[in-house]
Amino acid sequence: MGYVTVSAKIRKELREKLRELGIKPSEVIKRALEEEVEKKTREKLLEKVEKAGEIIERAGAESWIKAIRESREER
């Protein structure tokens, strides 16, 4: 797995406080980005599930049951 560099400008005062507290900005940034990616991934997945649910509702239960039975019979 390769890496890339991501940079962000922050106020000098914030940088000084980070140093005083022994906080490594790179670790905080990595964690925040990973959490945001996870959050957005979940949101997109939920949207897809909701959309699939709408499609299933429109198709109706009987047609789904029929399709499943036909699929089983083909095996």
N, C-alpha and C. Protein backbone atom coordinates (compact mmCIF):
# COMPACT_ATOMS: atom_id res chain seq x y z
N MET A 1 0.84 -1.17 0.00
CA MET A 1 0.00 0.00 0.00
C MET A 1 0.89 1.23 0.00
N GLY A 2 0.62 2.15 -0.91
CA GLY A 2 1.41 3.36 -0.98
C GLY A 2 0.81 4.46 -0.12
N TYR A 3 1.56 5.50 0.05
CA TYR A 3 1.11 6.64 0.84
C TYR A 3 1.26 7.91 0.04
N VAL A 4 0.46 8.91 0.36
CA VAL A 4 0.57 10.24 -0.21
C VAL A 4 0.61 11.23 0.95
N THR A 5 1.08 12.41 0.68
CA THR A 5 1.14 13.45 1.70
C THR A 5 -0.05 14.38 1.53
N VAL A 6 -0.71 14.66 2.64
CA VAL A 6 -1.82 15.60 2.67
C VAL A 6 -1.43 16.68 3.66
N SER A 7 -1.63 17.93 3.28
CA SER A 7 -1.26 19.01 4.20
C SER A 7 -2.46 19.90 4.47
N ALA A 8 -2.39 20.59 5.60
CA ALA A 8 -3.45 21.52 5.99
C ALA A 8 -2.81 22.69 6.71
N LYS A 9 -3.33 23.87 6.46
CA LYS A 9 -2.83 25.05 7.16
C LYS A 9 -3.65 25.23 8.43
N ILE A 10 -2.94 25.49 9.53
CA ILE A 10 -3.60 25.74 10.80
C ILE A 10 -2.99 27.00 11.42
N ARG A 11 -3.72 27.58 12.35
CA ARG A 11 -3.22 28.79 13.02
C ARG A 11 -1.97 28.45 13.84
N LYS A 12 -1.07 29.42 13.96
CA LYS A 12 0.15 29.22 14.74
C LYS A 12 -0.16 28.86 16.19
N GLU A 13 -1.20 29.51 16.73
CA GLU A 13 -1.57 29.25 18.12
C GLU A 13 -1.97 27.79 18.31
N LEU A 14 -2.68 27.26 17.34
CA LEU A 14 -3.10 25.86 17.43
C LEU A 14 -1.89 24.94 17.36
N ARG A 15 -0.96 25.26 16.49
CA ARG A 15 0.26 24.45 16.36
C ARG A 15 1.03 24.44 17.69
N GLU A 16 1.12 25.60 18.32
CA GLU A 16 1.82 25.68 19.61
C GLU A 16 1.12 24.84 20.67
N LYS A 17 -0.20 24.90 20.72
CA LYS A 17 -0.94 24.10 21.69
C LYS A 17 -0.76 22.61 21.43
N LEU A 18 -0.72 22.23 20.17
CA LEU A 18 -0.48 20.83 19.83
C LEU A 18 0.87 20.38 20.38
N ARG A 19 1.88 21.22 20.19
CA ARG A 19 3.22 20.90 20.69
C ARG A 19 3.24 20.81 22.21
N GLU A 20 2.60 21.79 22.86
CA GLU A 20 2.56 21.81 24.33
C GLU A 20 1.91 20.54 24.88
N LEU A 21 0.89 20.07 24.20
CA LEU A 21 0.14 18.91 24.68
C LEU A 21 0.69 17.59 24.15
N GLY A 22 1.71 17.66 23.32
CA GLY A 22 2.31 16.44 22.78
C GLY A 22 1.42 15.71 21.79
N ILE A 23 0.59 16.46 21.10
CA ILE A 23 -0.32 15.86 20.12
C ILE A 23 0.34 15.90 18.75
N LYS A 24 0.35 14.76 18.09
CA LYS A 24 0.90 14.69 16.74
C LYS A 24 -0.22 14.92 15.73
N PRO A 25 -0.14 16.04 14.99
CA PRO A 25 -1.21 16.36 14.05
C PRO A 25 -1.46 15.26 13.02
N SER A 26 -0.40 14.60 12.59
CA SER A 26 -0.57 13.57 11.56
C SER A 26 -1.47 12.45 12.04
N GLU A 27 -1.34 12.06 13.31
CA GLU A 27 -2.17 10.99 13.85
C GLU A 27 -3.63 11.43 13.93
N VAL A 28 -3.85 12.67 14.35
CA VAL A 28 -5.21 13.19 14.46
C VAL A 28 -5.85 13.29 13.08
N ILE A 29 -5.09 13.79 12.11
CA ILE A 29 -5.60 13.93 10.75
C ILE A 29 -5.93 12.56 10.16
N LYS A 30 -5.03 11.60 10.32
CA LYS A 30 -5.28 10.24 9.80
C LYS A 30 -6.56 9.66 10.38
N ARG A 31 -6.69 9.76 11.69
CA ARG A 31 -7.86 9.20 12.37
C ARG A 31 -9.15 9.90 11.90
N ALA A 32 -9.09 11.23 11.80
CA ALA A 32 -10.28 11.98 11.38
C ALA A 32 -10.67 11.62 9.95
N LEU A 33 -9.70 11.49 9.07
CA LEU A 33 -10.00 11.13 7.68
C LEU A 33 -10.56 9.72 7.59
N GLU A 34 -9.99 8.80 8.34
CA GLU A 34 -10.50 7.42 8.33
C GLU A 34 -11.94 7.37 8.84
N GLU A 35 -12.23 8.12 9.90
CA GLU A 35 -13.59 8.15 10.44
C GLU A 35 -14.57 8.76 9.45
N GLU A 36 -14.14 9.82 8.77
CA GLU A 36 -15.02 10.48 7.80
C GLU A 36 -15.30 9.57 6.61
N VAL A 37 -14.28 8.85 6.15
CA VAL A 37 -14.47 7.91 5.03
C VAL A 37 -15.44 6.81 5.46
N GLU A 38 -15.27 6.30 6.65
CA GLU A 38 -16.17 5.25 7.17
C GLU A 38 -17.60 5.76 7.25
N LYS A 39 -17.76 6.98 7.75
CA LYS A 39 -19.09 7.59 7.89
C LYS A 39 -19.76 7.73 6.52
N LYS A 40 -19.03 8.28 5.56
CA LYS A 40 -19.60 8.49 4.22
C LYS A 40 -19.90 7.17 3.54
N THR A 41 -19.05 6.16 3.76
CA THR A 41 -19.28 4.84 3.18
C THR A 41 -20.57 4.25 3.72
N ARG A 42 -20.78 4.37 5.02
CA ARG A 42 -22.02 3.88 5.64
C ARG A 42 -23.24 4.62 5.09
N GLU A 43 -23.12 5.95 4.95
CA GLU A 43 -24.23 6.74 4.43
C GLU A 43 -24.61 6.30 3.02
N LYS A 44 -23.60 6.10 2.17
CA LYS A 44 -23.87 5.66 0.79
C LYS A 44 -24.49 4.27 0.77
N LEU A 45 -24.01 3.38 1.62
CA LEU A 45 -24.56 2.04 1.69
C LEU A 45 -26.02 2.09 2.14
N LEU A 46 -26.31 2.92 3.14
CA LEU A 46 -27.68 3.06 3.62
C LEU A 46 -28.58 3.58 2.50
N GLU A 47 -28.10 4.55 1.73
CA GLU A 47 -28.88 5.06 0.60
C GLU A 47 -29.20 3.95 -0.39
N LYS A 48 -28.21 3.11 -0.68
CA LYS A 48 -28.42 2.00 -1.62
C LYS A 48 -29.42 0.99 -1.07
N VAL A 49 -29.33 0.71 0.22
CA VAL A 49 -30.26 -0.23 0.85
C VAL A 49 -31.68 0.33 0.80
N GLU A 50 -31.83 1.62 1.09
CA GLU A 50 -33.15 2.24 1.04
C GLU A 50 -33.71 2.22 -0.37
N LYS A 51 -32.87 2.49 -1.35
CA LYS A 51 -33.29 2.47 -2.74
C LYS A 51 -33.72 1.06 -3.15
N ALA A 52 -32.94 0.06 -2.73
CA ALA A 52 -33.28 -1.33 -3.04
C ALA A 52 -34.61 -1.70 -2.38
N GLY A 53 -34.83 -1.23 -1.17
CA GLY A 53 -36.09 -1.49 -0.47
C GLY A 53 -37.27 -0.92 -1.23
N GLU A 54 -37.11 0.29 -1.77
CA GLU A 54 -38.18 0.91 -2.55
C GLU A 54 -38.48 0.09 -3.80
N ILE A 55 -37.44 -0.40 -4.45
CA ILE A 55 -37.62 -1.21 -5.65
C ILE A 55 -38.35 -2.51 -5.30
N ILE A 56 -37.94 -3.12 -4.21
CA ILE A 56 -38.57 -4.37 -3.77
C ILE A 56 -40.05 -4.13 -3.45
N GLU A 57 -40.35 -3.03 -2.78
CA GLU A 57 -41.74 -2.72 -2.45
C GLU A 57 -42.58 -2.54 -3.71
N ARG A 58 -42.02 -1.85 -4.69
CA ARG A 58 -42.76 -1.63 -5.94
C ARG A 58 -43.02 -2.94 -6.67
N ALA A 59 -42.06 -3.83 -6.62
CA ALA A 59 -42.21 -5.10 -7.33
C ALA A 59 -43.24 -5.99 -6.65
N GLY A 60 -43.41 -5.86 -5.37
CA GLY A 60 -44.39 -6.66 -4.65
C GLY A 60 -43.82 -7.99 -4.20
N ALA A 61 -44.33 -8.47 -3.09
CA ALA A 61 -43.82 -9.70 -2.49
C ALA A 61 -44.08 -10.91 -3.37
N GLU A 62 -45.25 -10.96 -3.99
CA GLU A 62 -45.59 -12.14 -4.79
C GLU A 62 -44.63 -12.34 -5.96
N SER A 63 -44.27 -11.28 -6.63
CA SER A 63 -43.35 -11.43 -7.76
C SER A 63 -41.96 -11.87 -7.29
N TRP A 64 -41.55 -11.43 -6.10
CA TRP A 64 -40.26 -11.85 -5.55
C TRP A 64 -40.30 -13.33 -5.18
N ILE A 65 -41.39 -13.75 -4.58
CA ILE A 65 -41.53 -15.17 -4.22
C ILE A 65 -41.48 -16.02 -5.48
N LYS A 66 -42.17 -15.58 -6.51
CA LYS A 66 -42.19 -16.31 -7.78
C LYS A 66 -40.78 -16.39 -8.37
N ALA A 67 -40.06 -15.27 -8.36
CA ALA A 67 -38.71 -15.23 -8.91
C ALA A 67 -37.77 -16.16 -8.14
N ILE A 68 -37.90 -16.19 -6.84
CA ILE A 68 -37.05 -17.06 -6.02
C ILE A 68 -37.35 -18.52 -6.32
N ARG A 69 -38.62 -18.85 -6.42
CA ARG A 69 -38.99 -20.24 -6.71
C ARG A 69 -38.46 -20.66 -8.08
N GLU A 70 -38.61 -19.78 -9.07
CA GLU A 70 -38.11 -20.09 -10.41
C GLU A 70 -36.60 -20.28 -10.39
N SER A 71 -35.92 -19.45 -9.63
CA SER A 71 -34.47 -19.56 -9.53
C SER A 71 -34.06 -20.89 -8.90
N ARG A 72 -34.78 -21.31 -7.89
CA ARG A 72 -34.48 -22.58 -7.24
C ARG A 72 -34.74 -23.75 -8.18
N GLU A 73 -35.80 -23.66 -8.96
CA GLU A 73 -36.13 -24.74 -9.88
C GLU A 73 -35.10 -24.88 -10.99
N GLU A 74 -34.46 -23.78 -11.36
CA GLU A 74 -33.45 -23.81 -12.42
C GLU A 74 -32.18 -24.53 -11.97
N ARG A 75 -31.95 -24.62 -10.69
CA ARG A 75 -30.73 -25.26 -10.17
C ARG A 75 -30.78 -26.71 -10.33
